[in-house]
Amino acid sequence: MTNNGGKGTTSRPTPGGVPGTRRFPWLMIGAAVIVVGLIAVIAYALVPQAQEKGAAQGFSPSADNPDPSTGIDGVVKIEYPAGNHVQAPQRVAYDQSPPFGGAHDQYWATCTGIVYPDAIRTENAVHSLEHGAVWVTYNPDRLSSDDIAALASNVDGKTYTLMSPYPGLDSAVSLQSWGHQLKLDDVHDPRIPEFITALRQNPNTYPEPGASCSTVQGGFDPANPPPFDPSAPGPDAVPVNGK
């Protein structure tokens, strides 16, 4: 206490601190910094995805632009006759690898957004394309597990798509729709969602609008699909044009 003319003041210590000072809220500031950091990390991850999705939407088909894939660099287009069926184990002498049109098995591969862990019979997959599906394939020797997971995010659960490995593929990734193909070397290439947006169930580009991608009783079994055959089709194979 200080005596000042009989009057005095007392400087009282603040609880747990130095007399006359305030405790700085370090804990609250630290928590705020963590929250801001988490928001920044989430934004860094999600903003590019949102931008990519928005850009892909520009490839949706319309009356003025019935086949937006014509604006995607690298897309190959070939006209194929539709409706030519074979029965397993009959092979088709496809002119492209992976094939993306022509004669095919009477049963389509289930294409309800399934990611097949093993290679499937091409004749079944081509029938899926006739129904408006996009078939995403990849070379399993050229992609890591993280690459495969990133590629699968374009397909998993998205109806009228399917994905499977394709042994011996001459690129890392190849996308197929009826009469269209795009080969790429990067699973993050923005042309992947563009291709899918442009051609998945695009009624202007495949022969059977409205056809199903679901499993047919007694047909293709997605739990035990017919396996991929890497051998040459042989002299008794049906020509790709079905004749």
Protein backbone atom coordinates (compact mmCIF):
# COMPACT_ATOMS: atom_id res chain seq x y z
CA MET A 1 0.00 0.00 0.00
CA THR A 2 1.20 3.54 -0.79
CA ASN A 3 0.31 6.32 1.60
CA ASN A 4 -0.80 9.43 -0.31
CA GLY A 5 -2.23 12.00 2.00
CA GLY A 6 -4.00 9.41 4.08
CA LYS A 7 -5.45 7.82 1.00
CA GLY A 8 -4.12 4.68 -0.49
CA THR A 9 -4.67 2.33 -3.41
CA THR A 10 -3.90 -1.33 -3.54
CA SER A 11 -2.68 -3.12 -6.68
CA ARG A 12 -4.28 -6.51 -6.55
CA PRO A 13 -2.71 -9.40 -8.40
CA THR A 14 -4.85 -11.00 -11.05
CA PRO A 15 -5.53 -14.66 -10.28
CA GLY A 16 -2.71 -16.87 -11.54
CA GLY A 17 -0.81 -14.03 -13.20
CA VAL A 18 1.40 -11.02 -12.75
CA PRO A 19 -0.19 -8.15 -10.79
CA GLY A 20 -1.94 -5.70 -13.09
CA THR A 21 -1.85 -7.93 -16.23
CA ARG A 22 -4.36 -9.97 -18.21
CA ARG A 23 -4.01 -13.57 -19.28
CA PHE A 24 -3.63 -13.80 -23.09
CA PRO A 25 -6.07 -16.36 -24.63
CA TRP A 26 -3.42 -18.52 -26.31
CA LEU A 27 -5.61 -21.62 -26.20
CA MET A 28 -8.45 -19.91 -28.06
CA ILE A 29 -6.07 -18.45 -30.64
CA GLY A 30 -4.45 -21.84 -31.19
CA ALA A 31 -7.84 -23.47 -31.75
CA ALA A 32 -8.78 -20.74 -34.23
CA VAL A 33 -5.54 -21.25 -36.15
CA ILE A 34 -6.23 -24.99 -36.38
CA VAL A 35 -9.78 -24.40 -37.65
CA VAL A 36 -8.57 -21.92 -40.27
CA GLY A 37 -5.88 -24.40 -41.33
CA LEU A 38 -8.41 -27.21 -41.72
CA ILE A 39 -10.67 -24.99 -43.81
CA ALA A 40 -7.73 -24.10 -46.04
CA VAL A 41 -6.80 -27.76 -46.51
CA ILE A 42 -10.39 -28.74 -47.37
CA ALA A 43 -10.72 -25.85 -49.79
CA TYR A 44 -7.42 -26.76 -51.43
CA ALA A 45 -8.73 -30.30 -52.02
CA LEU A 46 -12.30 -29.48 -53.05
CA VAL A 47 -12.03 -26.30 -55.10
CA PRO A 48 -10.09 -27.92 -57.99
CA GLN A 49 -12.61 -30.78 -58.04
CA ALA A 50 -15.50 -28.33 -58.20
CA GLN A 51 -13.80 -26.38 -60.96
CA GLU A 52 -13.14 -29.58 -62.91
CA LYS A 53 -16.76 -30.71 -62.51
CA GLY A 54 -18.00 -27.30 -63.63
CA ALA A 55 -15.75 -27.36 -66.67
CA ALA A 56 -16.94 -30.86 -67.60
CA GLN A 57 -20.57 -29.69 -67.51
CA GLY A 58 -19.76 -27.56 -70.51
CA PHE A 59 -19.59 -30.82 -72.49
CA SER A 60 -23.20 -31.82 -71.87
CA PRO A 61 -25.01 -32.64 -75.14
CA SER A 62 -27.63 -30.22 -76.44
CA ALA A 63 -29.70 -29.60 -79.55
CA ASP A 64 -27.03 -27.21 -80.78
CA ASN A 65 -24.16 -29.54 -79.84
CA PRO A 66 -25.38 -33.15 -80.09
CA ASP A 67 -21.90 -34.67 -79.78
CA PRO A 68 -19.69 -32.51 -77.55
CA SER A 69 -16.89 -35.08 -77.76
CA THR A 70 -15.93 -33.48 -81.08
CA GLY A 71 -14.43 -30.70 -78.97
CA ILE A 72 -12.26 -33.07 -76.91
CA ASP A 73 -8.73 -33.39 -78.21
CA GLY A 74 -7.70 -36.97 -79.02
CA VAL A 75 -11.12 -38.60 -79.41
CA VAL A 76 -11.22 -41.21 -82.20
CA LYS A 77 -14.55 -41.86 -83.93
CA ILE A 78 -15.52 -44.88 -86.05
CA GLU A 79 -18.95 -45.82 -87.39
CA TYR A 80 -20.08 -49.35 -86.48
CA PRO A 81 -23.24 -51.27 -87.38
CA ALA A 82 -25.37 -52.19 -84.37
CA GLY A 83 -27.44 -55.21 -83.36
CA ASN A 84 -25.02 -57.98 -84.39
CA HIS A 85 -24.88 -60.57 -81.61
CA VAL A 86 -22.74 -63.62 -80.86
CA GLN A 87 -23.08 -66.26 -78.17
CA ALA A 88 -20.30 -67.21 -75.77
CA PRO A 89 -17.71 -68.53 -76.26
CA GLN A 90 -17.80 -67.09 -79.79
CA ARG A 91 -15.17 -64.41 -80.36
CA VAL A 92 -15.29 -61.23 -82.43
CA ALA A 93 -12.33 -60.10 -84.54
CA TYR A 94 -12.26 -56.53 -83.28
CA ASP A 95 -10.34 -53.92 -85.20
CA GLN A 96 -9.48 -51.84 -82.14
CA SER A 97 -8.06 -52.61 -78.70
CA PRO A 98 -9.99 -52.05 -76.53
CA PRO A 99 -12.93 -52.38 -78.93
CA PHE A 100 -15.60 -49.69 -78.96
CA GLY A 101 -18.20 -50.93 -81.38
CA GLY A 102 -19.25 -53.74 -83.69
CA ALA A 103 -20.56 -57.27 -83.10
CA HIS A 104 -20.83 -58.29 -79.46
CA ASP A 105 -22.21 -60.85 -77.04
CA GLN A 106 -25.98 -61.16 -76.65
CA TYR A 107 -25.62 -60.19 -72.97
CA TRP A 108 -24.24 -56.83 -71.91
CA ALA A 109 -21.84 -56.38 -69.01
CA THR A 110 -23.61 -54.85 -66.03
CA CYS A 111 -22.83 -51.13 -66.28
CA THR A 112 -24.43 -49.58 -63.22
CA GLY A 113 -21.29 -47.83 -61.99
CA ILE A 114 -19.37 -51.03 -61.26
CA VAL A 115 -15.58 -51.07 -60.91
CA TYR A 116 -14.51 -54.60 -61.84
CA PRO A 117 -11.29 -55.70 -60.13
CA ASP A 118 -10.41 -58.11 -62.94
CA ALA A 119 -10.47 -57.85 -66.73
CA ILE A 120 -13.79 -58.84 -68.30
CA ARG A 121 -14.81 -60.34 -71.65
CA THR A 122 -14.70 -57.64 -74.30
CA GLU A 123 -17.71 -58.96 -76.22
CA ASN A 124 -19.91 -58.28 -73.18
CA ALA A 125 -18.46 -54.83 -72.56
CA VAL A 126 -19.07 -53.72 -76.15
CA HIS A 127 -22.76 -54.57 -75.75
CA SER A 128 -22.82 -52.17 -72.78
CA LEU A 129 -21.58 -49.43 -75.08
CA GLU A 130 -24.49 -50.12 -77.43
CA HIS A 131 -26.74 -49.30 -74.45
CA GLY A 132 -25.12 -45.90 -73.90
CA ALA A 133 -22.48 -46.79 -71.30
CA VAL A 134 -18.93 -45.48 -71.02
CA TRP A 135 -16.34 -48.20 -70.42
CA VAL A 136 -13.21 -47.01 -68.60
CA THR A 137 -10.19 -49.30 -68.96
CA TYR A 138 -6.62 -49.09 -67.74
CA ASN A 139 -3.30 -50.88 -67.98
CA PRO A 140 -2.78 -52.47 -64.54
CA ASP A 141 1.00 -52.48 -65.05
CA ARG A 142 1.13 -48.71 -65.51
CA LEU A 143 -1.02 -47.44 -62.65
CA SER A 144 -0.51 -47.43 -58.89
CA SER A 145 -3.29 -48.32 -56.46
CA ASP A 146 -3.82 -44.59 -55.82
CA ASP A 147 -4.09 -43.97 -59.58
CA ILE A 148 -6.68 -46.73 -59.91
CA ALA A 149 -8.69 -45.30 -57.01
CA ALA A 150 -8.59 -41.83 -58.57
CA LEU A 151 -9.77 -43.22 -61.91
CA ALA A 152 -12.52 -45.25 -60.23
CA SER A 153 -13.96 -42.09 -58.67
CA ASN A 154 -15.25 -41.21 -62.15
CA VAL A 155 -17.23 -44.45 -62.31
CA ASP A 156 -18.09 -45.87 -58.89
CA GLY A 157 -21.85 -45.71 -58.41
CA LYS A 158 -22.46 -43.72 -61.59
CA THR A 159 -25.02 -45.56 -63.70
CA TYR A 160 -24.21 -46.29 -67.36
CA THR A 161 -20.51 -46.58 -66.62
CA LEU A 162 -18.20 -49.50 -65.90
CA MET A 163 -14.47 -49.87 -65.33
CA SER A 164 -12.05 -52.77 -65.62
CA PRO A 165 -8.36 -53.46 -66.17
CA TYR A 166 -7.30 -54.20 -69.74
CA PRO A 167 -4.01 -56.15 -69.83
CA GLY A 168 -1.61 -55.06 -72.57
CA LEU A 169 -3.31 -51.70 -73.13
CA ASP A 170 -0.97 -49.40 -75.07
CA SER A 171 -1.77 -46.40 -72.88
CA ALA A 172 -2.34 -45.92 -69.16
CA VAL A 173 -6.06 -45.23 -69.61
CA SER A 174 -8.58 -45.73 -72.40
CA LEU A 175 -12.21 -44.60 -72.43
CA GLN A 176 -14.81 -46.12 -74.75
CA SER A 177 -18.35 -45.28 -75.72
CA TRP A 178 -20.11 -46.58 -78.81
CA GLY A 179 -18.04 -45.44 -81.79
CA HIS A 180 -15.77 -43.25 -79.64
CA GLN A 181 -12.44 -43.78 -77.89
CA LEU A 182 -9.95 -41.63 -75.99
CA LYS A 183 -6.53 -42.87 -74.83
CA LEU A 184 -4.66 -41.00 -72.10
CA ASP A 185 -1.63 -41.33 -69.85
CA ASP A 186 -2.81 -39.40 -66.77
CA VAL A 187 -5.70 -40.46 -64.52
CA HIS A 188 -6.18 -36.79 -63.57
CA ASP A 189 -6.55 -35.61 -67.17
CA PRO A 190 -9.61 -33.29 -67.31
CA ARG A 191 -10.68 -34.94 -70.55
CA ILE A 192 -11.82 -37.99 -68.56
CA PRO A 193 -14.87 -36.28 -66.97
CA GLU A 194 -15.42 -34.36 -70.21
CA PHE A 195 -15.64 -37.60 -72.21
CA ILE A 196 -18.03 -39.17 -69.70
CA THR A 197 -20.23 -36.07 -69.59
CA ALA A 198 -20.33 -35.82 -73.37
CA LEU A 199 -21.10 -39.46 -74.16
CA ARG A 200 -22.69 -41.27 -71.22
CA GLN A 201 -26.30 -41.89 -72.28
CA ASN A 202 -26.00 -39.33 -75.06
CA PRO A 203 -28.96 -40.37 -77.25
CA ASN A 204 -27.28 -38.90 -80.30
CA THR A 205 -24.26 -41.20 -80.20
CA TYR A 206 -25.38 -44.77 -79.44
CA PRO A 207 -27.81 -47.15 -81.13
CA GLU A 208 -30.23 -48.13 -78.36
CA PRO A 209 -31.43 -45.18 -76.26
CA GLY A 210 -33.38 -46.33 -73.22
CA ALA A 211 -31.74 -49.78 -73.07
CA SER A 212 -30.88 -51.07 -69.60
CA CYS A 213 -27.51 -51.41 -67.91
CA SER A 214 -28.83 -53.64 -65.12
CA THR A 215 -28.11 -57.33 -64.69
CA VAL A 216 -30.33 -59.74 -66.61
CA GLN A 217 -31.34 -63.00 -64.96
CA GLY A 218 -29.33 -65.84 -66.48
CA GLY A 219 -27.07 -63.47 -68.40
CA PHE A 220 -23.90 -61.64 -67.39
CA ASP A 221 -23.08 -62.16 -63.70
CA PRO A 222 -21.23 -59.10 -62.30
CA ALA A 223 -20.13 -61.13 -59.27
CA ASN A 224 -18.52 -63.72 -61.53
CA PRO A 225 -18.06 -62.09 -64.94
CA PRO A 226 -16.77 -63.94 -68.01
CA PRO A 227 -13.00 -63.43 -68.05
CA PHE A 228 -10.92 -61.45 -70.51
CA ASP A 229 -9.30 -63.56 -73.23
CA PRO A 230 -5.92 -62.13 -74.29
CA SER A 231 -5.39 -64.59 -77.13
CA ALA A 232 -5.96 -63.76 -80.80
CA PRO A 233 -9.60 -64.33 -81.84
CA GLY A 234 -8.73 -67.04 -84.41
CA PRO A 235 -9.98 -67.79 -87.94
CA ASP A 236 -13.51 -68.71 -86.77
CA ALA A 237 -14.08 -65.32 -85.10
CA VAL A 238 -17.03 -63.23 -86.27
CA PRO A 239 -15.95 -60.10 -88.21
CA VAL A 240 -16.40 -56.83 -86.36
CA ASN A 241 -19.15 -55.80 -88.79
CA GLY A 242 -20.99 -59.06 -88.05
CA LYS A 243 -20.82 -60.33 -91.64
